Amino acid sequence: RNARAQHNIPYSKELAVVVALDKKTELVANNAAIIEQIIKLNKLEVNEVGKAGSFACPAGYVSAGVFALGSIFVDVAGAIDVEKENARLKKEQDNLNNFIVQLKKKLGNEQFVKNAPDNIVRLEKDKLMEAQEKLRKINEQLNDLKN
């Protein structure tokens, strides 16, 4: 669900998913058909990696996260227009960068910090932290699309 939301993939679109697990691979493999139906997949590939092993994100896939048993990678190459998604994310990245610059300028203004009520200054600091976190996520998404 996270990968669908992050990359604007409609729920109606079936996806291919690769799961890299360090344990309980047989449990996931034995229930692959059920998992495919529940999360609308056209393919679920299960790979076993050692406890300390790593699994490289396949080309055309993005990381959909890490969970207790391993990592999940979703094939976005056939699900989205990568160029359009890249352009959308870059635009959002530019907007966030501009917003962050404005907030830093405002919070760097001693007169504003000195004269504004504490709750307003705190609100602006919260906006800055939130914008920086969004920017971090956008950068991760852009990086995922490059792979």
C-alpha atoms as a PDB file:
ATOM      1  CA  ARG A   1       0.000   0.000   0.000  1.00  0.00           C
ATOM      2  CA  ASN A   2       2.830   2.391   0.808  1.00  0.00           C
ATOM      3  CA  ALA A   3       4.459   1.942  -2.596  1.00  0.00           C
ATOM      4  CA  ARG A   4       1.106   2.471  -4.310  1.00  0.00           C
ATOM      5  CA  ALA A   5       0.507   5.679  -2.347  1.00  0.00           C
ATOM      6  CA  GLN A   6       4.038   7.036  -2.762  1.00  0.00           C
ATOM      7  CA  HIS A   7       4.125   6.486  -6.508  1.00  0.00           C
ATOM      8  CA  ASN A   8       0.432   7.123  -7.310  1.00  0.00           C
ATOM      9  CA  ILE A   9      -0.190   3.574  -8.514  1.00  0.00           C
ATOM     10  CA  PRO A  10      -3.921   2.831  -8.793  1.00  0.00           C
ATOM     11  CA  TYR A  11      -5.176  -0.075  -6.710  1.00  0.00           C
ATOM     12  CA  SER A  12      -6.693  -1.592  -9.843  1.00  0.00           C
ATOM     13  CA  LYS A  13      -3.190  -2.054 -11.298  1.00  0.00           C
ATOM     14  CA  GLU A  14      -1.697  -5.463 -10.574  1.00  0.00           C
ATOM     15  CA  LEU A  15       1.939  -5.414  -9.491  1.00  0.00           C
ATOM     16  CA  ALA A  16       4.884  -7.746  -9.363  1.00  0.00           C
ATOM     17  CA  VAL A  17       6.593  -7.951  -5.979  1.00  0.00           C
ATOM     18  CA  VAL A  18       9.878  -9.475  -4.867  1.00  0.00           C
ATOM     19  CA  VAL A  19      10.234 -10.379  -1.194  1.00  0.00           C
ATOM     20  CA  ALA A  20      13.706 -11.039   0.233  1.00  0.00           C
ATOM     21  CA  LEU A  21      13.417 -12.960   3.499  1.00  0.00           C
ATOM     22  CA  ASP A  22      15.964 -14.198   5.993  1.00  0.00           C
ATOM     23  CA  LYS A  23      13.530 -16.625   7.640  1.00  0.00           C
ATOM     24  CA  LYS A  24      10.114 -18.220   7.127  1.00  0.00           C
ATOM     25  CA  THR A  25      10.451 -18.199   3.347  1.00  0.00           C
ATOM     26  CA  GLU A  26       8.386 -21.371   3.088  1.00  0.00           C
ATOM     27  CA  LEU A  27       5.525 -19.743   5.018  1.00  0.00           C
ATOM     28  CA  VAL A  28       5.357 -16.846   2.570  1.00  0.00           C
ATOM     29  CA  ALA A  29       5.906 -19.062  -0.480  1.00  0.00           C
ATOM     30  CA  ASN A  30       3.172 -21.484   0.610  1.00  0.00           C
ATOM     31  CA  ASN A  31       0.727 -18.596   1.001  1.00  0.00           C
ATOM     32  CA  ALA A  32       1.770 -16.720  -2.140  1.00  0.00           C
ATOM     33  CA  ALA A  33      -1.568 -17.244  -3.917  1.00  0.00           C
ATOM     34  CA  ILE A  34      -3.491 -15.780  -0.987  1.00  0.00           C
ATOM     35  CA  ILE A  35      -1.074 -12.855  -0.644  1.00  0.00           C
ATOM     36  CA  GLU A  36      -1.335 -12.150  -4.385  1.00  0.00           C
ATOM     37  CA  GLN A  37      -5.135 -11.966  -4.148  1.00  0.00           C
ATOM     38  CA  ILE A  38      -5.203  -9.826  -1.007  1.00  0.00           C
ATOM     39  CA  ILE A  39      -2.828  -7.158  -2.264  1.00  0.00           C
ATOM     40  CA  LYS A  40      -3.661  -7.459  -5.976  1.00  0.00           C
ATOM     41  CA  LEU A  41      -0.417  -8.855  -7.321  1.00  0.00           C
ATOM     42  CA  ASN A  42       0.189 -10.570 -10.624  1.00  0.00           C
ATOM     43  CA  LYS A  43       3.419 -12.102  -9.340  1.00  0.00           C
ATOM     44  CA  LEU A  44       5.044 -12.680  -5.961  1.00  0.00           C
ATOM     45  CA  GLU A  45       8.636 -13.838  -5.999  1.00  0.00           C
ATOM     46  CA  VAL A  46      10.145 -15.053  -2.729  1.00  0.00           C
ATOM     47  CA  ASN A  47      13.925 -15.053  -2.285  1.00  0.00           C
ATOM     48  CA  GLU A  48      15.800 -16.428   0.689  1.00  0.00           C
ATOM     49  CA  VAL A  49      18.752 -14.434   1.959  1.00  0.00           C
ATOM     50  CA  GLY A  50      20.970 -15.265   4.895  1.00  0.00           C
ATOM     51  CA  LYS A  51      20.445 -13.612   8.269  1.00  0.00           C
ATOM     52  CA  ALA A  52      23.165 -11.037   7.621  1.00  0.00           C
ATOM     53  CA  GLY A  53      22.692 -11.157   3.852  1.00  0.00           C
ATOM     54  CA  SER A  54      21.450  -8.417   1.639  1.00  0.00           C
ATOM     55  CA  PHE A  55      19.388  -8.405  -1.499  1.00  0.00           C
ATOM     56  CA  ALA A  56      19.900  -5.717  -4.135  1.00  0.00           C
ATOM     57  CA  CYS A  57      16.802  -3.947  -5.395  1.00  0.00           C
ATOM     58  CA  PRO A  58      16.080  -5.371  -8.874  1.00  0.00           C
ATOM     59  CA  ALA A  59      16.083  -2.980 -11.864  1.00  0.00           C
ATOM     60  CA  GLY A  60      12.684  -1.348 -12.385  1.00  0.00           C
ATOM     61  CA  TYR A  61      11.659  -2.008  -8.796  1.00  0.00           C
ATOM     62  CA  VAL A  62      11.475   0.318  -5.793  1.00  0.00           C
ATOM     63  CA  SER A  63      11.892  -0.555  -2.163  1.00  0.00           C
ATOM     64  CA  ALA A  64       8.528  -0.812  -0.446  1.00  0.00           C
ATOM     65  CA  GLY A  65      10.071  -1.188   2.968  1.00  0.00           C
ATOM     66  CA  VAL A  66      11.698  -3.466   5.439  1.00  0.00           C
ATOM     67  CA  PHE A  67       9.766  -5.617   7.877  1.00  0.00           C
ATOM     68  CA  ALA A  68      10.589  -8.189  10.542  1.00  0.00           C
ATOM     69  CA  LEU A  69      11.290 -11.000   8.064  1.00  0.00           C
ATOM     70  CA  GLY A  70      13.058  -9.090   5.303  1.00  0.00           C
ATOM     71  CA  SER A  71      12.528  -6.544   2.525  1.00  0.00           C
ATOM     72  CA  ILE A  72       9.872  -5.904  -0.116  1.00  0.00           C
ATOM     73  CA  PHE A  73      10.466  -4.561  -3.626  1.00  0.00           C
ATOM     74  CA  VAL A  74       7.669  -3.492  -6.002  1.00  0.00           C
ATOM     75  CA  ASP A  75       7.922  -3.410  -9.809  1.00  0.00           C
ATOM     76  CA  VAL A  76       6.896   0.105 -10.802  1.00  0.00           C
ATOM     77  CA  ALA A  77       8.309   0.017 -14.335  1.00  0.00           C
ATOM     78  CA  GLY A  78       5.065  -1.316 -15.814  1.00  0.00           C
ATOM     79  CA  ALA A  79       2.776   0.370 -13.307  1.00  0.00           C
ATOM     80  CA  ILE A  80       3.661   4.029 -13.733  1.00  0.00           C
ATOM     81  CA  ASP A  81       5.146   6.395 -16.254  1.00  0.00           C
ATOM     82  CA  VAL A  82       8.562   6.728 -14.621  1.00  0.00           C
ATOM     83  CA  GLU A  83       9.368   9.977 -16.450  1.00  0.00           C
ATOM     84  CA  LYS A  84       6.088  11.593 -15.354  1.00  0.00           C
ATOM     85  CA  GLU A  85       6.523  10.413 -11.782  1.00  0.00           C
ATOM     86  CA  ASN A  86      10.105  11.668 -11.781  1.00  0.00           C
ATOM     87  CA  ALA A  87       8.951  15.084 -13.063  1.00  0.00           C
ATOM     88  CA  ARG A  88       6.175  15.235 -10.445  1.00  0.00           C
ATOM     89  CA  LEU A  89       8.587  14.397  -7.641  1.00  0.00           C
ATOM     90  CA  LYS A  90      11.179  16.916  -8.874  1.00  0.00           C
ATOM     91  CA  LYS A  91       8.522  19.643  -8.929  1.00  0.00           C
ATOM     92  CA  GLU A  92       7.471  18.731  -5.407  1.00  0.00           C
ATOM     93  CA  GLN A  93      11.149  18.694  -4.390  1.00  0.00           C
ATOM     94  CA  ASP A  94      11.656  22.207  -5.805  1.00  0.00           C
ATOM     95  CA  ASN A  95       8.552  23.514  -4.023  1.00  0.00           C
ATOM     96  CA  LEU A  96       9.692  22.014  -0.722  1.00  0.00           C
ATOM     97  CA  ASN A  97      13.209  23.428  -1.129  1.00  0.00           C
ATOM     98  CA  ASN A  98      11.755  26.912  -1.699  1.00  0.00           C
ATOM     99  CA  PHE A  99       9.426  26.546   1.289  1.00  0.00           C
ATOM    100  CA  ILE A 100      12.312  25.408   3.507  1.00  0.00           C
ATOM    101  CA  VAL A 101      14.424  28.391   2.438  1.00  0.00           C
ATOM    102  CA  GLN A 102      11.553  30.747   3.313  1.00  0.00           C
ATOM    103  CA  LEU A 103      11.017  29.125   6.707  1.00  0.00           C
ATOM    104  CA  LYS A 104      14.733  29.218   7.532  1.00  0.00           C
ATOM    105  CA  LYS A 105      14.875  32.873   6.539  1.00  0.00           C
ATOM    106  CA  LYS A 106      11.881  33.655   8.744  1.00  0.00           C
ATOM    107  CA  LEU A 107      13.277  31.711  11.703  1.00  0.00           C
ATOM    108  CA  GLY A 108      16.690  33.304  11.146  1.00  0.00           C
ATOM    109  CA  ASN A 109      15.162  36.756  11.526  1.00  0.00           C
ATOM    110  CA  GLU A 110      15.913  37.761  15.128  1.00  0.00           C
ATOM    111  CA  GLN A 111      13.103  40.342  15.121  1.00  0.00           C
ATOM    112  CA  PHE A 112      10.532  37.712  14.177  1.00  0.00           C
ATOM    113  CA  VAL A 113      11.742  35.219  16.781  1.00  0.00           C
ATOM    114  CA  LYS A 114      11.929  37.938  19.453  1.00  0.00           C
ATOM    115  CA  ASN A 115       8.545  39.575  18.742  1.00  0.00           C
ATOM    116  CA  ALA A 116       6.360  36.649  17.688  1.00  0.00           C
ATOM    117  CA  PRO A 117       4.462  34.661  20.315  1.00  0.00           C
ATOM    118  CA  ASP A 118       6.177  31.413  21.346  1.00  0.00           C
ATOM    119  CA  ASN A 119       3.427  29.263  19.874  1.00  0.00           C
ATOM    120  CA  ILE A 120       3.861  30.926  16.449  1.00  0.00           C
ATOM    121  CA  VAL A 121       7.628  30.396  16.491  1.00  0.00           C
ATOM    122  CA  ARG A 122       7.096  26.778  17.561  1.00  0.00           C
ATOM    123  CA  LEU A 123       4.540  26.345  14.753  1.00  0.00           C
ATOM    124  CA  GLU A 124       7.051  27.635  12.193  1.00  0.00           C
ATOM    125  CA  LYS A 125       9.733  25.304  13.551  1.00  0.00           C
ATOM    126  CA  ASP A 126       7.287  22.404  13.299  1.00  0.00           C
ATOM    127  CA  LYS A 127       6.514  23.369   9.688  1.00  0.00           C
ATOM    128  CA  LEU A 128      10.237  23.375   8.947  1.00  0.00           C
ATOM    129  CA  MET A 129      10.768  19.927  10.475  1.00  0.00           C
ATOM    130  CA  GLU A 130       7.744  18.554   8.606  1.00  0.00           C
ATOM    131  CA  ALA A 131       8.925  20.040   5.294  1.00  0.00           C
ATOM    132  CA  GLN A 132      12.431  18.612   5.807  1.00  0.00           C
ATOM    133  CA  GLU A 133      10.958  15.168   6.502  1.00  0.00           C
ATOM    134  CA  LYS A 134       8.787  15.363   3.363  1.00  0.00           C
ATOM    135  CA  LEU A 135      11.850  16.412   1.367  1.00  0.00           C
ATOM    136  CA  ARG A 136      13.806  13.446   2.734  1.00  0.00           C
ATOM    137  CA  LYS A 137      11.023  11.098   1.585  1.00  0.00           C
ATOM    138  CA  ILE A 138      10.831  12.736  -1.842  1.00  0.00           C
ATOM    139  CA  ASN A 139      14.604  12.349  -2.215  1.00  0.00           C
ATOM    140  CA  GLU A 140      14.290   8.648  -1.315  1.00  0.00           C
ATOM    141  CA  GLN A 141      11.530   8.205  -3.891  1.00  0.00           C
ATOM    142  CA  LEU A 142      13.595   9.939  -6.567  1.00  0.00           C
ATOM    143  CA  ASN A 143      16.552   7.748  -5.670  1.00  0.00           C
ATOM    144  CA  ASP A 144      14.365   4.631  -5.890  1.00  0.00           C
ATOM    145  CA  LEU A 145      13.222   5.621  -9.374  1.00  0.00           C
ATOM    146  CA  LYS A 146      16.835   5.887 -10.553  1.00  0.00           C
ATOM    147  CA  ASN A 147      17.489   2.215  -9.722  1.00  0.00           C
END
